[in-house]
N, C-alpha and C. Protein backbone atom coordinates (compact mmCIF):
# COMPACT_ATOMS: atom_id res chain seq x y z
N MET A 1 0.81 -1.17 0.00
CA MET A 1 0.00 0.00 0.00
C MET A 1 0.86 1.25 0.00
N ARG A 2 0.48 2.10 -0.86
CA ARG A 2 1.26 3.32 -0.95
C ARG A 2 0.56 4.42 -0.17
N LEU A 3 1.22 4.90 0.90
CA LEU A 3 0.69 5.99 1.71
C LEU A 3 1.36 7.33 1.38
N ALA A 4 2.37 7.29 0.58
CA ALA A 4 3.12 8.51 0.30
C ALA A 4 2.25 9.54 -0.44
N GLY A 5 1.45 9.12 -1.37
CA GLY A 5 0.61 10.05 -2.14
C GLY A 5 -0.41 10.77 -1.28
N PRO A 6 -1.26 10.00 -0.52
CA PRO A 6 -2.25 10.68 0.33
C PRO A 6 -1.62 11.52 1.44
N LEU A 7 -0.46 11.09 2.00
CA LEU A 7 0.21 11.87 3.05
C LEU A 7 0.71 13.21 2.50
N ARG A 8 1.19 13.20 1.27
CA ARG A 8 1.65 14.45 0.66
C ARG A 8 0.48 15.42 0.46
N ILE A 9 -0.66 14.88 0.06
CA ILE A 9 -1.84 15.73 -0.14
C ILE A 9 -2.31 16.31 1.19
N VAL A 10 -2.33 15.50 2.26
CA VAL A 10 -2.73 15.98 3.59
C VAL A 10 -1.74 17.02 4.10
N ALA A 11 -0.44 16.77 3.92
CA ALA A 11 0.58 17.73 4.35
C ALA A 11 0.45 19.04 3.58
N LEU A 12 0.16 18.96 2.27
CA LEU A 12 -0.01 20.16 1.46
C LEU A 12 -1.23 20.96 1.92
N ILE A 13 -2.31 20.27 2.25
CA ILE A 13 -3.53 20.95 2.73
C ILE A 13 -3.26 21.62 4.08
N ILE A 14 -2.54 20.96 4.98
CA ILE A 14 -2.21 21.53 6.29
C ILE A 14 -1.32 22.77 6.13
N VAL A 15 -0.31 22.68 5.28
CA VAL A 15 0.59 23.82 5.06
C VAL A 15 -0.17 24.99 4.44
N MET A 16 -1.06 24.70 3.47
CA MET A 16 -1.84 25.78 2.86
C MET A 16 -2.79 26.40 3.88
N GLY A 17 -3.38 25.60 4.77
CA GLY A 17 -4.27 26.12 5.81
C GLY A 17 -3.52 27.01 6.80
N LEU A 18 -2.34 26.56 7.24
CA LEU A 18 -1.54 27.36 8.16
C LEU A 18 -1.07 28.66 7.50
N THR A 19 -0.71 28.59 6.22
CA THR A 19 -0.31 29.79 5.49
C THR A 19 -1.47 30.78 5.40
N TRP A 20 -2.66 30.26 5.11
CA TRP A 20 -3.84 31.11 5.02
C TRP A 20 -4.13 31.79 6.36
N ILE A 21 -4.04 31.05 7.45
CA ILE A 21 -4.28 31.61 8.79
C ILE A 21 -3.24 32.68 9.11
N LEU A 22 -1.98 32.42 8.80
CA LEU A 22 -0.90 33.37 9.08
C LEU A 22 -1.09 34.66 8.28
N VAL A 23 -1.42 34.54 7.00
CA VAL A 23 -1.64 35.73 6.16
C VAL A 23 -2.86 36.50 6.65
N THR A 24 -3.91 35.82 7.06
CA THR A 24 -5.10 36.48 7.57
C THR A 24 -4.79 37.26 8.85
N ILE A 25 -3.98 36.68 9.71
CA ILE A 25 -3.63 37.37 10.96
C ILE A 25 -2.76 38.59 10.68
N LEU A 26 -1.76 38.44 9.82
CA LEU A 26 -0.83 39.54 9.56
C LEU A 26 -1.45 40.66 8.74
N LEU A 27 -2.25 40.32 7.75
CA LEU A 27 -2.79 41.33 6.85
C LEU A 27 -4.30 41.47 6.97
N GLY A 28 -4.86 41.03 8.07
CA GLY A 28 -6.30 41.06 8.25
C GLY A 28 -6.84 42.48 8.34
N GLY A 29 -8.14 42.59 8.52
CA GLY A 29 -8.82 43.88 8.59
C GLY A 29 -8.51 44.61 9.89
N PRO A 30 -9.22 45.72 10.11
CA PRO A 30 -8.97 46.51 11.32
C PRO A 30 -9.30 45.72 12.58
N GLY A 31 -8.46 45.85 13.56
CA GLY A 31 -8.65 45.14 14.82
C GLY A 31 -8.11 43.74 14.82
N VAL A 32 -7.65 43.25 13.68
CA VAL A 32 -7.12 41.90 13.59
C VAL A 32 -5.70 41.98 13.08
N GLY A 33 -4.82 41.20 13.64
CA GLY A 33 -3.46 41.12 13.13
C GLY A 33 -2.52 42.11 13.78
N LEU A 34 -1.35 42.19 13.21
CA LEU A 34 -0.31 43.06 13.75
C LEU A 34 -0.40 44.44 13.10
N PRO A 35 -0.55 45.49 13.87
CA PRO A 35 -0.74 46.82 13.28
C PRO A 35 0.50 47.35 12.58
N ARG A 36 1.69 46.95 12.99
CA ARG A 36 2.91 47.45 12.35
C ARG A 36 2.99 46.99 10.89
N ILE A 37 2.63 45.76 10.63
CA ILE A 37 2.67 45.25 9.26
C ILE A 37 1.56 45.88 8.44
N GLN A 38 0.40 46.14 9.04
CA GLN A 38 -0.70 46.76 8.32
C GLN A 38 -0.37 48.19 7.91
N GLN A 39 0.50 48.86 8.66
CA GLN A 39 0.86 50.24 8.33
C GLN A 39 1.57 50.33 6.99
N PHE A 40 2.28 49.29 6.59
CA PHE A 40 2.98 49.32 5.31
C PHE A 40 2.00 49.32 4.13
N PHE A 41 0.83 48.74 4.32
CA PHE A 41 -0.10 48.57 3.23
C PHE A 41 -1.25 49.57 3.25
N THR A 42 -1.33 50.43 4.24
CA THR A 42 -2.40 51.42 4.30
C THR A 42 -1.83 52.80 4.06
N SER A 43 -2.66 53.69 3.54
CA SER A 43 -2.22 55.07 3.30
C SER A 43 -2.35 55.87 4.59
N PRO A 44 -1.57 56.94 4.74
CA PRO A 44 -1.64 57.74 5.96
C PRO A 44 -2.98 58.43 6.15
N GLU A 45 -3.72 58.68 5.06
CA GLU A 45 -5.02 59.33 5.20
C GLU A 45 -6.03 58.42 5.89
N ASN A 46 -5.89 57.12 5.67
CA ASN A 46 -6.85 56.17 6.24
C ASN A 46 -6.59 55.88 7.70
N SER A 47 -5.38 56.10 8.15
CA SER A 47 -5.06 55.76 9.53
C SER A 47 -5.61 56.83 10.47
N VAL A 48 -6.16 56.38 11.56
CA VAL A 48 -6.74 57.27 12.55
C VAL A 48 -5.78 57.32 13.73
N THR A 49 -5.29 58.51 14.01
CA THR A 49 -4.40 58.68 15.16
C THR A 49 -5.06 59.63 16.14
N ALA A 50 -5.02 59.25 17.38
CA ALA A 50 -5.57 60.10 18.42
C ALA A 50 -4.55 61.18 18.77
N GLU A 51 -4.97 62.43 18.65
CA GLU A 51 -4.06 63.52 18.97
C GLU A 51 -4.09 63.77 20.47
N PRO A 52 -2.92 63.85 21.08
CA PRO A 52 -2.91 64.09 22.53
C PRO A 52 -3.35 65.51 22.84
N ARG A 53 -4.15 65.63 23.87
CA ARG A 53 -4.59 66.94 24.30
C ARG A 53 -3.52 67.54 25.21
N ALA A 54 -3.05 68.68 24.85
CA ALA A 54 -2.07 69.36 25.68
C ALA A 54 -2.81 70.21 26.70
N ARG A 55 -2.61 69.90 27.96
CA ARG A 55 -3.24 70.68 29.00
C ARG A 55 -2.40 71.91 29.26
N LYS A 56 -3.02 73.05 29.17
CA LYS A 56 -2.30 74.29 29.39
C LYS A 56 -3.01 75.07 30.47
N TYR A 57 -2.33 75.25 31.56
CA TYR A 57 -2.85 76.07 32.63
C TYR A 57 -2.08 77.39 32.63
N LYS A 58 -2.56 78.34 33.36
CA LYS A 58 -1.95 79.66 33.38
C LYS A 58 -0.51 79.57 33.84
N CYS A 59 0.35 80.30 33.17
CA CYS A 59 1.79 80.39 33.46
C CYS A 59 2.50 79.04 33.36
N GLY A 60 1.91 78.07 32.69
CA GLY A 60 2.55 76.77 32.52
C GLY A 60 2.58 75.93 33.78
N LEU A 61 1.65 76.17 34.69
CA LEU A 61 1.60 75.40 35.94
C LEU A 61 1.08 73.99 35.67
N PRO A 62 1.47 73.01 36.50
CA PRO A 62 1.01 71.64 36.28
C PRO A 62 -0.45 71.42 36.69
N GLN A 63 -1.00 72.31 37.52
CA GLN A 63 -2.38 72.18 37.98
C GLN A 63 -3.07 73.53 37.89
N PRO A 64 -4.39 73.55 37.76
CA PRO A 64 -5.08 74.84 37.76
C PRO A 64 -5.15 75.41 39.17
N CYS A 65 -5.19 76.73 39.26
CA CYS A 65 -5.30 77.39 40.56
C CYS A 65 -6.76 77.39 41.00
N PRO A 66 -7.01 77.41 42.31
CA PRO A 66 -8.39 77.49 42.79
C PRO A 66 -9.04 78.81 42.38
N GLU A 67 -10.36 78.86 42.47
CA GLU A 67 -11.09 80.08 42.14
C GLU A 67 -10.66 81.20 43.07
N GLU A 68 -10.73 82.42 42.57
CA GLU A 68 -10.39 83.64 43.30
C GLU A 68 -8.94 83.66 43.78
N HIS A 69 -8.06 82.98 43.07
CA HIS A 69 -6.63 83.01 43.35
C HIS A 69 -5.90 83.43 42.07
N LEU A 70 -4.78 84.08 42.25
CA LEU A 70 -3.96 84.49 41.10
C LEU A 70 -2.91 83.42 40.84
N ALA A 71 -2.77 83.03 39.60
CA ALA A 71 -1.75 82.04 39.23
C ALA A 71 -0.44 82.77 38.99
N PHE A 72 0.63 82.32 39.64
CA PHE A 72 1.93 82.93 39.41
C PHE A 72 3.00 81.87 39.36
N ARG A 73 4.09 82.23 38.71
CA ARG A 73 5.23 81.33 38.62
C ARG A 73 6.50 82.16 38.59
N ILE A 74 7.44 81.79 39.43
CA ILE A 74 8.73 82.47 39.48
C ILE A 74 9.80 81.45 39.16
N VAL A 75 10.58 81.72 38.12
CA VAL A 75 11.65 80.82 37.71
C VAL A 75 12.96 81.59 37.82
N SER A 76 13.87 81.07 38.62
CA SER A 76 15.16 81.75 38.75
C SER A 76 16.02 81.43 37.55
N GLY A 77 16.99 82.27 37.31
CA GLY A 77 17.86 82.08 36.16
C GLY A 77 18.95 81.06 36.42
N ALA A 78 19.74 80.80 35.41
CA ALA A 78 20.87 79.88 35.51
C ALA A 78 22.14 80.68 35.26
N ALA A 79 22.82 81.04 36.35
CA ALA A 79 24.05 81.84 36.29
C ALA A 79 23.77 83.12 35.52
N ASN A 80 24.60 83.46 34.56
CA ASN A 80 24.34 84.66 33.77
C ASN A 80 23.90 84.31 32.35
N VAL A 81 23.54 83.06 32.14
CA VAL A 81 23.15 82.61 30.80
C VAL A 81 21.65 82.79 30.59
N ILE A 82 20.85 82.30 31.51
CA ILE A 82 19.39 82.37 31.41
C ILE A 82 18.88 83.26 32.54
N GLY A 83 18.14 84.27 32.19
CA GLY A 83 17.64 85.21 33.18
C GLY A 83 16.40 84.70 33.89
N PRO A 84 16.04 85.32 35.00
CA PRO A 84 14.84 84.91 35.74
C PRO A 84 13.57 85.34 35.01
N LYS A 85 12.46 84.70 35.40
CA LYS A 85 11.16 85.02 34.81
C LYS A 85 10.13 85.09 35.92
N ILE A 86 9.24 86.07 35.84
CA ILE A 86 8.13 86.18 36.77
C ILE A 86 6.87 86.28 35.92
N CYS A 87 5.94 85.35 36.14
CA CYS A 87 4.70 85.28 35.36
C CYS A 87 3.52 85.39 36.33
N LEU A 88 2.50 86.16 35.95
CA LEU A 88 1.29 86.30 36.76
C LEU A 88 0.09 86.29 35.83
N GLU A 89 -0.81 85.34 36.04
CA GLU A 89 -2.04 85.21 35.25
C GLU A 89 -1.75 85.19 33.74
N ASP A 90 -0.79 84.38 33.35
CA ASP A 90 -0.39 84.20 31.94
C ASP A 90 0.20 85.46 31.31
N LYS A 91 0.61 86.43 32.11
CA LYS A 91 1.31 87.61 31.60
C LYS A 91 2.72 87.57 32.14
N MET A 92 3.70 87.67 31.26
CA MET A 92 5.09 87.67 31.68
C MET A 92 5.42 89.06 32.20
N LEU A 93 5.65 89.17 33.52
CA LEU A 93 5.94 90.47 34.12
C LEU A 93 7.40 90.84 33.96
N MET A 94 8.29 89.90 34.22
CA MET A 94 9.72 90.15 34.11
C MET A 94 10.37 88.99 33.38
N SER A 95 11.23 89.30 32.42
CA SER A 95 11.97 88.26 31.71
C SER A 95 13.12 88.90 30.95
N SER A 96 14.01 88.07 30.47
CA SER A 96 15.14 88.56 29.68
C SER A 96 14.67 89.14 28.35
N ILE A 97 13.58 88.62 27.82
CA ILE A 97 13.05 89.10 26.55
C ILE A 97 12.53 90.53 26.70
N LYS A 98 11.88 90.82 27.83
CA LYS A 98 11.39 92.18 28.08
C LYS A 98 12.51 93.11 28.53
N ASP A 99 13.66 92.54 28.84
CA ASP A 99 14.84 93.30 29.26
C ASP A 99 14.57 94.15 30.50
N ASN A 100 13.86 93.58 31.47
CA ASN A 100 13.64 94.30 32.72
C ASN A 100 14.12 93.49 33.93
N VAL A 101 15.08 92.60 33.71
CA VAL A 101 15.68 91.83 34.80
C VAL A 101 17.16 92.16 34.86
N GLY A 102 17.74 91.91 35.99
CA GLY A 102 19.16 92.15 36.15
C GLY A 102 19.71 91.19 37.19
N ARG A 103 21.00 91.32 37.46
CA ARG A 103 21.57 90.46 38.48
C ARG A 103 21.16 91.00 39.84
N GLY A 104 21.08 90.12 40.79
CA GLY A 104 20.66 90.53 42.13
C GLY A 104 19.22 90.17 42.39
N LEU A 105 18.51 91.10 43.02
CA LEU A 105 17.14 90.86 43.45
C LEU A 105 16.17 91.51 42.47
N ASN A 106 15.31 90.72 41.86
CA ASN A 106 14.30 91.23 40.93
C ASN A 106 12.96 91.25 41.64
N ILE A 107 12.34 92.42 41.68
CA ILE A 107 11.08 92.59 42.42
C ILE A 107 10.03 93.14 41.47
N ALA A 108 8.84 92.55 41.52
CA ALA A 108 7.70 93.04 40.75
C ALA A 108 6.61 93.42 41.74
N LEU A 109 6.19 94.67 41.72
CA LEU A 109 5.12 95.16 42.58
C LEU A 109 3.82 95.04 41.82
N VAL A 110 2.87 94.27 42.39
CA VAL A 110 1.64 93.92 41.69
C VAL A 110 0.45 94.29 42.57
N ASN A 111 -0.61 94.79 41.95
CA ASN A 111 -1.87 95.02 42.65
C ASN A 111 -2.47 93.66 42.99
N GLY A 112 -2.72 93.40 44.26
CA GLY A 112 -3.19 92.09 44.69
C GLY A 112 -4.61 91.77 44.31
N VAL A 113 -5.41 92.77 43.97
CA VAL A 113 -6.80 92.54 43.61
C VAL A 113 -6.94 92.30 42.10
N SER A 114 -6.37 93.20 41.32
CA SER A 114 -6.55 93.10 39.87
C SER A 114 -5.43 92.32 39.18
N GLY A 115 -4.27 92.19 39.82
CA GLY A 115 -3.14 91.52 39.21
C GLY A 115 -2.38 92.41 38.25
N GLU A 116 -2.60 93.71 38.32
CA GLU A 116 -1.94 94.67 37.44
C GLU A 116 -0.53 94.95 37.94
N LEU A 117 0.42 94.99 37.02
CA LEU A 117 1.81 95.29 37.36
C LEU A 117 1.95 96.79 37.61
N LEU A 118 2.41 97.14 38.82
CA LEU A 118 2.61 98.54 39.15
C LEU A 118 4.03 98.98 38.85
N GLU A 119 5.01 98.15 39.24
CA GLU A 119 6.39 98.49 38.98
C GLU A 119 7.25 97.23 39.03
N ALA A 120 8.30 97.23 38.24
CA ALA A 120 9.25 96.11 38.23
C ALA A 120 10.65 96.68 38.26
N ARG A 121 11.46 96.17 39.19
CA ARG A 121 12.83 96.68 39.34
C ARG A 121 13.78 95.54 39.65
N ALA A 122 15.04 95.77 39.36
CA ALA A 122 16.11 94.84 39.72
C ALA A 122 17.11 95.59 40.58
N PHE A 123 17.45 95.02 41.74
CA PHE A 123 18.40 95.64 42.65
C PHE A 123 19.68 94.80 42.64
N ASP A 124 20.78 95.46 42.32
CA ASP A 124 22.06 94.78 42.22
C ASP A 124 22.65 94.63 43.62
N MET A 125 22.58 93.44 44.17
CA MET A 125 23.09 93.19 45.52
C MET A 125 24.59 92.98 45.50
N TRP A 126 25.16 92.67 44.35
CA TRP A 126 26.59 92.40 44.28
C TRP A 126 27.40 93.68 44.28
N ALA A 127 26.83 94.75 43.78
CA ALA A 127 27.57 96.01 43.70
C ALA A 127 27.66 96.70 45.06
N GLY A 128 26.90 96.22 46.04
CA GLY A 128 26.92 96.83 47.36
C GLY A 128 25.93 97.96 47.43
N GLY A 129 26.05 98.76 48.48
CA GLY A 129 25.13 99.88 48.64
C GLY A 129 23.95 99.47 49.48
N GLU A 130 23.14 100.42 49.73
CA GLU A 130 21.97 100.21 50.58
C GLU A 130 20.76 99.86 49.73
N TRP A 131 20.73 98.66 49.23
CA TRP A 131 19.63 98.27 48.35
C TRP A 131 18.33 98.11 49.12
N ILE A 132 18.40 97.77 50.42
CA ILE A 132 17.17 97.62 51.21
C ILE A 132 16.51 98.98 51.39
N THR A 133 17.30 99.99 51.70
CA THR A 133 16.75 101.34 51.86
C THR A 133 16.19 101.84 50.53
N ALA A 134 16.91 101.58 49.46
CA ALA A 134 16.43 102.01 48.14
C ALA A 134 15.14 101.30 47.78
N ALA A 135 15.05 100.03 48.10
CA ALA A 135 13.83 99.28 47.81
C ALA A 135 12.67 99.80 48.65
N TYR A 136 12.92 100.10 49.91
CA TYR A 136 11.86 100.59 50.79
C TYR A 136 11.37 101.96 50.33
N CYS A 137 12.30 102.82 49.96
CA CYS A 137 11.92 104.17 49.53
C CYS A 137 11.16 104.15 48.21
N THR A 138 11.56 103.30 47.30
CA THR A 138 10.91 103.29 45.99
C THR A 138 9.55 102.62 46.02
N PHE A 139 9.40 101.57 46.80
CA PHE A 139 8.15 100.82 46.77
C PHE A 139 7.16 101.23 47.85
N SER A 140 7.56 102.10 48.77
CA SER A 140 6.62 102.49 49.82
C SER A 140 5.60 103.48 49.26
N PRO A 141 4.34 103.37 49.71
CA PRO A 141 3.28 104.24 49.16
C PRO A 141 3.41 105.68 49.62
């Protein structure tokens, strides 16, 4: 009895079935198969990508401020390369771009109710002098 002929036919049918299953998994429809391989065969217009929502709070804070509070952020500079920044309610009060910062102590006088900038000054503490007296005299009402 010759079993070689029927065994070859059965083996061929099994190989063809496994090949069909593998191709269906790899190149199947949406939700089926490997998405990386499907990307090669689909156009970019057909692919749906979820765009991440960028959360933006006032002054770049990680959380929103409570009601009836002013959002502020103070960032100190890095040596003499990057200057300090003072932000209040998404308005940059002092920064290197506005050219109203200097070395030493940077002070912004703000109306606590409206958040309006009244005055911004930089006091050079390294040069010496009576900067405390000067600050008191200039900012006192």
